[in-house]
Amino acid sequence: MSYSGLGTRRKGRKAKWEVHLPEHLATRVETLMVDPINKKPIYGARSQLVTELLELWASKKEAEIADTKRELQGNGHAGALLA
């Protein structure tokens, strides 16, 4: 993950989510998001990480769904069920 885009406003409205995850994982991630020079958390790094991971995940899932639709339509099944 590159932090070069931090501070850049993203298009669209923002949604606020509250996420619960294991403390050991949160600690690992927070530790990796500390600026080594000033020893402070990098502002916006968490939001950028979550955004990038969700973008990748959503793209992968959309591709899987499109592949499944093509397979069903190619096999003569009712592809309209997934439309």
N, C-alpha and C. Protein backbone atom coordinates (compact mmCIF):
# COMPACT_ATOMS: atom_id res chain seq x y z
N MET A 1 0.85 -1.18 0.00
CA MET A 1 0.00 0.00 0.00
C MET A 1 0.88 1.23 0.00
N SER A 2 0.56 2.16 -0.85
CA SER A 2 1.30 3.40 -0.92
C SER A 2 0.53 4.47 -0.18
N TYR A 3 1.23 5.29 0.55
CA TYR A 3 0.58 6.36 1.29
C TYR A 3 0.63 7.67 0.52
N SER A 4 1.06 7.63 -0.75
CA SER A 4 1.22 8.86 -1.52
C SER A 4 -0.11 9.56 -1.79
N GLY A 5 -1.21 8.82 -1.79
CA GLY A 5 -2.51 9.44 -2.06
C GLY A 5 -3.20 9.97 -0.83
N LEU A 6 -2.57 9.88 0.30
CA LEU A 6 -3.21 10.34 1.53
C LEU A 6 -3.44 11.84 1.47
N GLY A 7 -4.57 12.25 1.97
CA GLY A 7 -4.93 13.65 1.93
C GLY A 7 -5.69 14.00 0.66
N THR A 8 -5.78 13.06 -0.27
CA THR A 8 -6.52 13.27 -1.50
C THR A 8 -7.99 12.95 -1.25
N ARG A 9 -8.85 13.88 -1.60
CA ARG A 9 -10.28 13.64 -1.41
C ARG A 9 -10.77 12.63 -2.44
N ARG A 10 -11.51 11.66 -1.98
CA ARG A 10 -12.09 10.66 -2.85
C ARG A 10 -13.45 11.14 -3.31
N LYS A 11 -13.85 10.75 -4.52
CA LYS A 11 -15.16 11.15 -5.05
C LYS A 11 -16.27 10.42 -4.31
N GLY A 12 -17.42 11.05 -4.30
CA GLY A 12 -18.60 10.41 -3.73
C GLY A 12 -18.80 10.70 -2.26
N ARG A 13 -19.98 10.34 -1.81
CA ARG A 13 -20.32 10.53 -0.40
C ARG A 13 -19.59 9.50 0.43
N LYS A 14 -19.37 9.81 1.67
CA LYS A 14 -18.67 8.92 2.58
C LYS A 14 -19.67 8.17 3.47
N ALA A 15 -19.32 6.97 3.82
CA ALA A 15 -20.11 6.17 4.75
C ALA A 15 -19.23 5.88 5.96
N LYS A 16 -19.83 5.88 7.11
CA LYS A 16 -19.07 5.58 8.33
C LYS A 16 -19.47 4.19 8.80
N TRP A 17 -18.48 3.31 8.92
CA TRP A 17 -18.69 1.96 9.41
C TRP A 17 -17.95 1.79 10.72
N GLU A 18 -18.53 0.99 11.58
CA GLU A 18 -17.83 0.58 12.81
C GLU A 18 -17.54 -0.90 12.64
N VAL A 19 -16.28 -1.26 12.72
CA VAL A 19 -15.87 -2.63 12.46
C VAL A 19 -15.20 -3.21 13.70
N HIS A 20 -15.59 -4.41 14.06
CA HIS A 20 -14.97 -5.11 15.18
C HIS A 20 -14.05 -6.18 14.63
N LEU A 21 -12.81 -6.19 15.10
CA LEU A 21 -11.85 -7.20 14.66
C LEU A 21 -10.96 -7.56 15.83
N PRO A 22 -10.24 -8.67 15.71
CA PRO A 22 -9.39 -9.10 16.81
C PRO A 22 -8.35 -8.03 17.18
N GLU A 23 -8.16 -7.84 18.46
CA GLU A 23 -7.25 -6.80 18.94
C GLU A 23 -5.82 -7.03 18.43
N HIS A 24 -5.39 -8.29 18.38
CA HIS A 24 -4.02 -8.55 17.93
C HIS A 24 -3.82 -8.10 16.49
N LEU A 25 -4.86 -8.23 15.64
CA LEU A 25 -4.76 -7.80 14.25
C LEU A 25 -4.75 -6.27 14.17
N ALA A 26 -5.62 -5.63 14.94
CA ALA A 26 -5.66 -4.17 14.96
C ALA A 26 -4.31 -3.60 15.41
N THR A 27 -3.71 -4.22 16.40
CA THR A 27 -2.40 -3.77 16.89
C THR A 27 -1.33 -3.92 15.82
N ARG A 28 -1.34 -5.06 15.13
CA ARG A 28 -0.35 -5.28 14.05
C ARG A 28 -0.48 -4.22 12.97
N VAL A 29 -1.73 -3.94 12.55
CA VAL A 29 -1.96 -2.97 11.49
C VAL A 29 -1.57 -1.57 11.95
N GLU A 30 -1.98 -1.19 13.15
CA GLU A 30 -1.64 0.13 13.67
C GLU A 30 -0.12 0.32 13.76
N THR A 31 0.58 -0.72 14.15
CA THR A 31 2.03 -0.66 14.24
C THR A 31 2.67 -0.41 12.87
N LEU A 32 2.09 -1.01 11.85
CA LEU A 32 2.63 -0.84 10.49
C LEU A 32 2.28 0.51 9.88
N MET A 33 1.36 1.23 10.49
CA MET A 33 0.92 2.52 9.95
C MET A 33 1.48 3.71 10.71
N VAL A 34 2.63 3.52 11.32
CA VAL A 34 3.29 4.59 12.06
C VAL A 34 4.38 5.18 11.18
N ASP A 35 4.42 6.51 11.11
CA ASP A 35 5.47 7.19 10.36
C ASP A 35 6.79 6.96 11.10
N PRO A 36 7.78 6.35 10.45
CA PRO A 36 9.02 6.02 11.14
C PRO A 36 9.83 7.25 11.56
N ILE A 37 9.58 8.40 10.94
CA ILE A 37 10.35 9.59 11.28
C ILE A 37 9.80 10.28 12.52
N ASN A 38 8.49 10.56 12.53
CA ASN A 38 7.94 11.28 13.69
C ASN A 38 7.23 10.37 14.69
N LYS A 39 7.22 9.07 14.41
CA LYS A 39 6.67 8.05 15.34
C LYS A 39 5.19 8.28 15.67
N LYS A 40 4.44 8.83 14.70
CA LYS A 40 3.01 9.06 14.88
C LYS A 40 2.25 8.30 13.80
N PRO A 41 0.98 7.96 14.08
CA PRO A 41 0.17 7.30 13.05
C PRO A 41 0.04 8.19 11.81
N ILE A 42 0.04 7.58 10.66
CA ILE A 42 -0.12 8.32 9.40
C ILE A 42 -1.61 8.60 9.22
N TYR A 43 -1.96 9.88 9.17
CA TYR A 43 -3.35 10.28 9.08
C TYR A 43 -3.98 9.73 7.81
N GLY A 44 -5.12 9.06 7.95
CA GLY A 44 -5.87 8.55 6.81
C GLY A 44 -5.43 7.17 6.31
N ALA A 45 -4.37 6.62 6.90
CA ALA A 45 -3.84 5.34 6.41
C ALA A 45 -4.85 4.20 6.59
N ARG A 46 -5.55 4.17 7.70
CA ARG A 46 -6.53 3.11 7.94
C ARG A 46 -7.66 3.16 6.91
N SER A 47 -8.19 4.34 6.68
CA SER A 47 -9.27 4.49 5.70
C SER A 47 -8.79 4.09 4.31
N GLN A 48 -7.58 4.50 3.96
CA GLN A 48 -7.05 4.15 2.65
C GLN A 48 -6.89 2.64 2.52
N LEU A 49 -6.37 1.99 3.55
CA LEU A 49 -6.19 0.54 3.52
C LEU A 49 -7.53 -0.17 3.32
N VAL A 50 -8.52 0.19 4.12
CA VAL A 50 -9.83 -0.45 4.03
C VAL A 50 -10.45 -0.20 2.66
N THR A 51 -10.34 1.03 2.14
CA THR A 51 -10.89 1.35 0.83
C THR A 51 -10.23 0.50 -0.26
N GLU A 52 -8.90 0.41 -0.24
CA GLU A 52 -8.19 -0.37 -1.25
C GLU A 52 -8.54 -1.85 -1.17
N LEU A 53 -8.60 -2.39 0.04
CA LEU A 53 -8.93 -3.81 0.19
C LEU A 53 -10.37 -4.11 -0.26
N LEU A 54 -11.31 -3.23 0.08
CA LEU A 54 -12.69 -3.44 -0.33
C LEU A 54 -12.87 -3.27 -1.84
N GLU A 55 -12.14 -2.35 -2.45
CA GLU A 55 -12.18 -2.20 -3.91
C GLU A 55 -11.71 -3.48 -4.59
N LEU A 56 -10.61 -4.04 -4.12
CA LEU A 56 -10.09 -5.29 -4.68
C LEU A 56 -11.09 -6.43 -4.50
N TRP A 57 -11.63 -6.55 -3.29
CA TRP A 57 -12.58 -7.62 -2.99
C TRP A 57 -13.83 -7.49 -3.85
N ALA A 58 -14.38 -6.27 -3.95
CA ALA A 58 -15.61 -6.07 -4.73
C ALA A 58 -15.36 -6.39 -6.21
N SER A 59 -14.23 -5.98 -6.74
CA SER A 59 -13.92 -6.27 -8.15
C SER A 59 -13.82 -7.77 -8.38
N LYS A 60 -13.19 -8.47 -7.46
CA LYS A 60 -13.05 -9.92 -7.58
C LYS A 60 -14.42 -10.60 -7.53
N LYS A 61 -15.27 -10.19 -6.59
CA LYS A 61 -16.59 -10.79 -6.47
C LYS A 61 -17.44 -10.50 -7.70
N GLU A 62 -17.38 -9.27 -8.24
CA GLU A 62 -18.14 -8.93 -9.43
C GLU A 62 -17.69 -9.79 -10.62
N ALA A 63 -16.38 -10.02 -10.74
CA ALA A 63 -15.87 -10.87 -11.82
C ALA A 63 -16.34 -12.31 -11.65
N GLU A 64 -16.36 -12.80 -10.41
CA GLU A 64 -16.84 -14.16 -10.15
C GLU A 64 -18.32 -14.30 -10.53
N ILE A 65 -19.11 -13.30 -10.19
CA ILE A 65 -20.54 -13.33 -10.51
C ILE A 65 -20.73 -13.31 -12.03
N ALA A 66 -19.97 -12.45 -12.72
CA ALA A 66 -20.07 -12.39 -14.19
C ALA A 66 -19.68 -13.72 -14.81
N ASP A 67 -18.63 -14.36 -14.29
CA ASP A 67 -18.20 -15.67 -14.79
C ASP A 67 -19.29 -16.71 -14.58
N THR A 68 -19.91 -16.71 -13.42
CA THR A 68 -20.98 -17.66 -13.12
C THR A 68 -22.16 -17.45 -14.06
N LYS A 69 -22.52 -16.19 -14.32
CA LYS A 69 -23.62 -15.91 -15.24
C LYS A 69 -23.31 -16.45 -16.64
N ARG A 70 -22.07 -16.21 -17.10
CA ARG A 70 -21.68 -16.71 -18.43
C ARG A 70 -21.73 -18.22 -18.49
N GLU A 71 -21.26 -18.88 -17.43
CA GLU A 71 -21.29 -20.35 -17.39
C GLU A 71 -22.72 -20.87 -17.45
N LEU A 72 -23.60 -20.26 -16.66
CA LEU A 72 -24.99 -20.70 -16.63
C LEU A 72 -25.67 -20.47 -17.97
N GLN A 73 -25.40 -19.35 -18.59
CA GLN A 73 -26.02 -19.06 -19.88
C GLN A 73 -25.45 -19.98 -20.96
N GLY A 74 -24.16 -20.31 -20.86
CA GLY A 74 -23.54 -21.20 -21.83
C GLY A 74 -24.02 -22.62 -21.71
N ASN A 75 -24.45 -23.02 -20.51
CA ASN A 75 -24.94 -24.39 -20.29
C ASN A 75 -26.44 -24.50 -20.48
N GLY A 76 -27.08 -23.43 -20.91
CA GLY A 76 -28.52 -23.48 -21.16
C GLY A 76 -29.36 -23.35 -19.91
N HIS A 77 -28.77 -23.02 -18.77
CA HIS A 77 -29.54 -22.82 -17.55
C HIS A 77 -30.17 -21.45 -17.56
N ALA A 78 -31.07 -21.25 -16.68
CA ALA A 78 -31.76 -19.97 -16.59
C ALA A 78 -30.84 -18.93 -15.96
N GLY A 79 -30.10 -18.24 -16.78
CA GLY A 79 -29.19 -17.19 -16.29
C GLY A 79 -29.94 -16.00 -15.73
N ALA A 80 -31.21 -15.91 -16.04
CA ALA A 80 -32.02 -14.79 -15.55
C ALA A 80 -32.17 -14.84 -14.03
N LEU A 81 -31.93 -15.99 -13.43
CA LEU A 81 -32.04 -16.08 -11.98
C LEU A 81 -31.01 -15.21 -11.29
N LEU A 82 -29.86 -14.99 -11.94
CA LEU A 82 -28.80 -14.19 -11.35
C LEU A 82 -28.81 -12.75 -11.82
N ALA A 83 -29.72 -12.40 -12.70
CA ALA A 83 -29.74 -11.05 -13.26
C ALA A 83 -30.25 -10.04 -12.26
